[in-house]
Structures are given as C-alpha cells and as structure tokens.
N, C-alpha and C. Protein backbone atom coordinates (compact mmCIF):
# COMPACT_ATOMS: atom_id res chain seq x y z
N MET A 1 27.57 -20.49 29.18
CA MET A 1 26.30 -19.86 28.81
C MET A 1 26.62 -18.54 28.12
N THR A 2 25.98 -18.32 27.01
CA THR A 2 26.19 -17.08 26.28
C THR A 2 24.89 -16.31 26.20
N GLY A 3 24.98 -15.05 25.85
CA GLY A 3 23.78 -14.23 25.69
C GLY A 3 23.28 -13.70 27.02
N LEU A 4 21.96 -13.46 27.11
CA LEU A 4 21.37 -12.93 28.33
C LEU A 4 21.13 -14.05 29.32
N ALA A 5 21.65 -13.91 30.54
CA ALA A 5 21.54 -14.96 31.54
C ALA A 5 20.13 -15.06 32.11
N CYS A 6 19.30 -13.99 31.97
CA CYS A 6 17.98 -14.00 32.56
C CYS A 6 16.93 -14.69 31.70
N ILE A 7 17.28 -15.05 30.49
CA ILE A 7 16.33 -15.74 29.61
C ILE A 7 16.40 -17.22 29.88
N ALA A 8 15.24 -17.81 30.10
CA ALA A 8 15.18 -19.23 30.40
C ALA A 8 15.63 -20.04 29.19
N GLU A 9 16.15 -21.22 29.47
CA GLU A 9 16.60 -22.07 28.39
C GLU A 9 15.41 -22.49 27.53
N GLY A 10 15.55 -22.43 26.23
CA GLY A 10 14.46 -22.75 25.32
C GLY A 10 13.76 -21.52 24.78
N ASP A 11 13.86 -20.37 25.47
CA ASP A 11 13.29 -19.12 24.95
C ASP A 11 14.26 -18.58 23.91
N THR A 12 13.81 -18.53 22.69
CA THR A 12 14.71 -18.13 21.61
C THR A 12 14.58 -16.66 21.25
N ASP A 13 13.50 -16.01 21.67
CA ASP A 13 13.27 -14.63 21.27
C ASP A 13 13.26 -13.73 22.50
N PRO A 14 14.28 -12.90 22.69
CA PRO A 14 14.31 -12.00 23.84
C PRO A 14 13.14 -11.02 23.85
N ALA A 15 12.60 -10.69 22.68
CA ALA A 15 11.48 -9.74 22.62
C ALA A 15 10.26 -10.30 23.34
N GLU A 16 10.04 -11.61 23.27
CA GLU A 16 8.90 -12.21 23.97
C GLU A 16 9.11 -12.14 25.48
N TYR A 17 10.31 -12.40 25.94
CA TYR A 17 10.60 -12.36 27.37
C TYR A 17 10.50 -10.93 27.91
N LEU A 18 10.98 -9.97 27.14
CA LEU A 18 10.98 -8.59 27.59
C LEU A 18 9.67 -7.88 27.29
N ASN A 19 8.71 -8.55 26.67
CA ASN A 19 7.40 -8.01 26.33
C ASN A 19 7.52 -6.78 25.42
N ILE A 20 8.38 -6.87 24.45
CA ILE A 20 8.55 -5.81 23.48
C ILE A 20 7.54 -6.03 22.36
N ALA A 21 6.78 -5.00 22.05
CA ALA A 21 5.74 -5.13 21.02
C ALA A 21 6.38 -5.31 19.65
N LYS A 22 5.80 -6.19 18.89
CA LYS A 22 6.24 -6.41 17.52
C LYS A 22 5.20 -5.79 16.61
N VAL A 23 5.53 -4.67 16.00
CA VAL A 23 4.60 -3.98 15.12
C VAL A 23 4.84 -4.47 13.70
N SER A 24 3.80 -5.00 13.10
CA SER A 24 3.92 -5.45 11.72
C SER A 24 3.11 -4.53 10.83
N THR A 25 3.55 -4.39 9.62
CA THR A 25 2.86 -3.52 8.68
C THR A 25 1.85 -4.32 7.86
N PRO A 26 0.72 -3.72 7.55
CA PRO A 26 -0.25 -4.42 6.70
C PRO A 26 0.28 -4.53 5.27
N PRO A 27 -0.16 -5.52 4.52
CA PRO A 27 0.33 -5.67 3.15
C PRO A 27 -0.15 -4.53 2.26
N TYR A 28 0.62 -4.24 1.23
CA TYR A 28 0.27 -3.17 0.29
C TYR A 28 -0.07 -3.82 -1.05
N TYR A 29 -1.30 -3.65 -1.48
CA TYR A 29 -1.76 -4.22 -2.75
C TYR A 29 -1.92 -3.11 -3.77
N GLN A 30 -1.51 -3.39 -4.99
CA GLN A 30 -1.72 -2.42 -6.04
C GLN A 30 -2.03 -3.15 -7.34
N ALA A 31 -3.19 -2.86 -7.89
CA ALA A 31 -3.59 -3.40 -9.18
C ALA A 31 -4.10 -2.23 -10.01
N ASP A 32 -3.43 -1.95 -11.11
CA ASP A 32 -3.79 -0.83 -11.97
C ASP A 32 -4.41 -1.37 -13.25
N LEU A 33 -5.29 -0.59 -13.83
CA LEU A 33 -5.96 -0.99 -15.07
C LEU A 33 -5.95 0.19 -16.03
N GLY A 34 -5.60 -0.07 -17.27
CA GLY A 34 -5.62 0.95 -18.31
C GLY A 34 -6.31 0.41 -19.55
N ILE A 35 -7.22 1.19 -20.10
CA ILE A 35 -7.96 0.80 -21.30
C ILE A 35 -7.88 1.96 -22.30
N SER A 36 -7.64 1.62 -23.56
CA SER A 36 -7.60 2.67 -24.59
C SER A 36 -8.33 2.20 -25.84
N LYS A 37 -8.82 3.18 -26.60
CA LYS A 37 -9.55 2.89 -27.83
C LYS A 37 -9.20 3.96 -28.85
N ASN A 38 -8.86 3.54 -30.06
CA ASN A 38 -8.59 4.45 -31.17
C ASN A 38 -9.85 4.59 -32.02
N PHE A 39 -10.17 5.83 -32.38
CA PHE A 39 -11.30 6.12 -33.26
C PHE A 39 -10.76 6.84 -34.49
N ALA A 40 -11.10 6.35 -35.67
CA ALA A 40 -10.71 7.01 -36.91
C ALA A 40 -11.86 7.93 -37.33
N ILE A 41 -11.64 9.24 -37.25
CA ILE A 41 -12.68 10.20 -37.61
C ILE A 41 -12.72 10.36 -39.13
N THR A 42 -11.59 10.71 -39.70
CA THR A 42 -11.43 10.75 -41.16
C THR A 42 -10.12 10.04 -41.48
N GLU A 43 -9.70 10.15 -42.72
CA GLU A 43 -8.45 9.51 -43.11
C GLU A 43 -7.25 10.15 -42.41
N LYS A 44 -7.34 11.45 -42.13
CA LYS A 44 -6.24 12.16 -41.49
C LYS A 44 -6.40 12.32 -39.98
N PHE A 45 -7.61 12.34 -39.50
CA PHE A 45 -7.85 12.61 -38.08
C PHE A 45 -8.18 11.32 -37.33
N ARG A 46 -7.48 11.17 -36.21
CA ARG A 46 -7.75 10.05 -35.30
C ARG A 46 -7.85 10.59 -33.89
N VAL A 47 -8.65 9.93 -33.09
CA VAL A 47 -8.81 10.30 -31.69
C VAL A 47 -8.51 9.08 -30.84
N LEU A 48 -7.68 9.26 -29.83
CA LEU A 48 -7.35 8.20 -28.88
C LEU A 48 -7.97 8.55 -27.54
N PHE A 49 -8.80 7.66 -27.02
CA PHE A 49 -9.38 7.82 -25.69
C PHE A 49 -8.70 6.81 -24.77
N ARG A 50 -8.24 7.26 -23.62
CA ARG A 50 -7.56 6.39 -22.66
C ARG A 50 -8.12 6.63 -21.27
N SER A 51 -8.34 5.53 -20.55
CA SER A 51 -8.84 5.58 -19.18
C SER A 51 -7.94 4.72 -18.30
N GLU A 52 -7.57 5.23 -17.14
CA GLU A 52 -6.73 4.48 -16.21
C GLU A 52 -7.34 4.52 -14.82
N VAL A 53 -7.28 3.40 -14.14
CA VAL A 53 -7.70 3.31 -12.74
C VAL A 53 -6.49 2.83 -11.95
N LEU A 54 -6.08 3.61 -10.95
CA LEU A 54 -4.93 3.28 -10.12
C LEU A 54 -5.41 2.81 -8.76
N THR A 55 -4.77 1.80 -8.22
CA THR A 55 -5.16 1.14 -6.97
C THR A 55 -6.60 0.68 -7.09
N LEU A 56 -6.80 -0.24 -7.96
CA LEU A 56 -8.13 -0.66 -8.39
C LEU A 56 -8.95 -1.37 -7.33
N ASN A 57 -8.38 -2.28 -6.60
CA ASN A 57 -9.20 -3.24 -5.88
C ASN A 57 -9.15 -3.19 -4.36
N HIS A 58 -8.31 -2.40 -3.75
CA HIS A 58 -8.10 -2.59 -2.31
C HIS A 58 -7.68 -1.28 -1.64
N SER A 59 -8.15 -1.06 -0.43
CA SER A 59 -7.66 0.07 0.38
C SER A 59 -6.35 -0.36 1.02
N ASN A 60 -5.37 0.53 1.01
CA ASN A 60 -4.08 0.24 1.62
C ASN A 60 -3.91 1.08 2.88
N PHE A 61 -3.61 0.42 3.97
CA PHE A 61 -3.48 1.09 5.26
C PHE A 61 -2.01 1.41 5.54
N THR A 62 -1.78 2.49 6.28
CA THR A 62 -0.42 2.88 6.64
C THR A 62 0.05 2.06 7.83
N VAL A 63 1.26 2.31 8.24
CA VAL A 63 1.88 1.57 9.35
C VAL A 63 1.20 1.97 10.66
N PRO A 64 0.97 1.03 11.57
CA PRO A 64 0.41 1.38 12.88
C PRO A 64 1.34 2.31 13.65
N ASP A 65 0.76 3.07 14.57
CA ASP A 65 1.54 3.99 15.40
C ASP A 65 2.51 3.18 16.25
N GLY A 66 3.80 3.53 16.18
CA GLY A 66 4.82 2.78 16.91
C GLY A 66 5.27 3.44 18.19
N ASN A 67 4.67 4.57 18.58
CA ASN A 67 5.06 5.28 19.79
C ASN A 67 4.30 4.68 20.97
N VAL A 68 5.03 4.03 21.88
CA VAL A 68 4.42 3.33 23.00
C VAL A 68 3.69 4.29 23.94
N SER A 69 4.10 5.53 24.02
CA SER A 69 3.48 6.46 24.96
C SER A 69 2.17 7.06 24.43
N ASN A 70 1.84 6.85 23.16
CA ASN A 70 0.57 7.36 22.62
C ASN A 70 -0.57 6.41 22.91
N SER A 71 -1.76 6.98 23.01
CA SER A 71 -2.94 6.14 23.23
C SER A 71 -3.32 5.37 21.96
N THR A 72 -2.77 5.79 20.83
CA THR A 72 -3.06 5.11 19.57
C THR A 72 -1.95 4.12 19.20
N PHE A 73 -1.19 3.66 20.18
CA PHE A 73 -0.11 2.72 19.92
C PHE A 73 -0.65 1.46 19.26
N ASP A 74 -0.01 1.04 18.20
CA ASP A 74 -0.35 -0.17 17.44
C ASP A 74 -1.73 -0.08 16.79
N VAL A 75 -2.19 1.15 16.51
CA VAL A 75 -3.47 1.37 15.85
C VAL A 75 -3.20 2.03 14.50
N ILE A 76 -3.88 1.54 13.47
CA ILE A 76 -3.76 2.14 12.15
C ILE A 76 -4.72 3.32 12.10
N THR A 77 -4.20 4.51 11.83
CA THR A 77 -5.03 5.72 11.89
C THR A 77 -5.25 6.37 10.52
N SER A 78 -4.63 5.85 9.46
CA SER A 78 -4.82 6.46 8.15
C SER A 78 -4.57 5.44 7.04
N THR A 79 -4.87 5.87 5.82
CA THR A 79 -4.66 5.03 4.65
C THR A 79 -3.82 5.78 3.63
N TYR A 80 -3.29 5.03 2.67
CA TYR A 80 -2.61 5.65 1.55
C TYR A 80 -3.65 6.29 0.65
N PRO A 81 -3.25 7.11 -0.31
CA PRO A 81 -4.23 7.78 -1.17
C PRO A 81 -5.21 6.79 -1.81
N PRO A 82 -6.46 7.21 -1.98
CA PRO A 82 -7.49 6.32 -2.51
C PRO A 82 -7.34 6.08 -4.01
N ARG A 83 -8.29 5.38 -4.55
CA ARG A 83 -8.29 5.10 -5.99
C ARG A 83 -8.24 6.41 -6.78
N GLN A 84 -7.57 6.36 -7.89
CA GLN A 84 -7.49 7.53 -8.76
C GLN A 84 -7.93 7.12 -10.17
N LEU A 85 -8.74 7.96 -10.77
CA LEU A 85 -9.19 7.75 -12.13
C LEU A 85 -8.55 8.81 -13.02
N GLN A 86 -8.08 8.41 -14.19
CA GLN A 86 -7.50 9.35 -15.14
C GLN A 86 -8.12 9.10 -16.51
N PHE A 87 -8.45 10.17 -17.19
CA PHE A 87 -9.00 10.08 -18.53
C PHE A 87 -8.17 10.98 -19.44
N ALA A 88 -7.93 10.52 -20.67
CA ALA A 88 -7.16 11.31 -21.64
C ALA A 88 -7.81 11.21 -23.01
N LEU A 89 -7.75 12.28 -23.74
CA LEU A 89 -8.27 12.33 -25.10
C LEU A 89 -7.19 12.99 -25.96
N LYS A 90 -6.70 12.26 -26.95
CA LYS A 90 -5.63 12.77 -27.81
C LYS A 90 -6.11 12.78 -29.25
N VAL A 91 -5.97 13.94 -29.89
CA VAL A 91 -6.36 14.09 -31.29
C VAL A 91 -5.08 14.08 -32.14
N GLN A 92 -5.04 13.20 -33.12
CA GLN A 92 -3.88 13.11 -34.00
C GLN A 92 -4.30 13.48 -35.42
N PHE A 93 -3.48 14.33 -36.05
CA PHE A 93 -3.77 14.72 -37.43
C PHE A 93 -2.50 14.90 -38.21
C-alpha cells in the first residue's frame, strides 16, 4: 500500500477526505470594441473621431477570499474595474 493509509480504497482525492476547501476562480471575460470615422473637412484638413469601449459585455469578479479564518471565506467581495469608455479626436493637416 502506498500513499496515505487512512484514505479508503477508491478515494482518489485526499482533499475530499480531509475536507479541504477547493476555491475556484470565476471566469474572466473581456470583449473590447473600437469604432473610428474619418471626416474630410477640406482638402488639407481631416478629423479622425475614435471611440473605444473596454470590457464591453460582462462584470468580472475577483477571486473569492481564501482565508479560512475570515467570515468572508469563499465569498467574492469585489470586482475588477468596470467598463471604460474612451473618446479621441485627432486633427490632421
């Protein structure tokens, strides 16, 4: 017999026998969108307008608290930064 003698035969995961919590992280989604449009003002002057949206579609949660002695153990208490909007205007001549 090898390994831990106290684990019953057929138990393949010691963490289940020892009641060790398995903390898993929530998935992280990121979908960014950028749109731009060129405007010709005159023959020499052009204006570029650009808009970007970062983290477009989903809230992303941080890792649950892994400290067993805290009352918030295995609880998600915060999120990653929220959606960000960026606008740019560039004049070319």
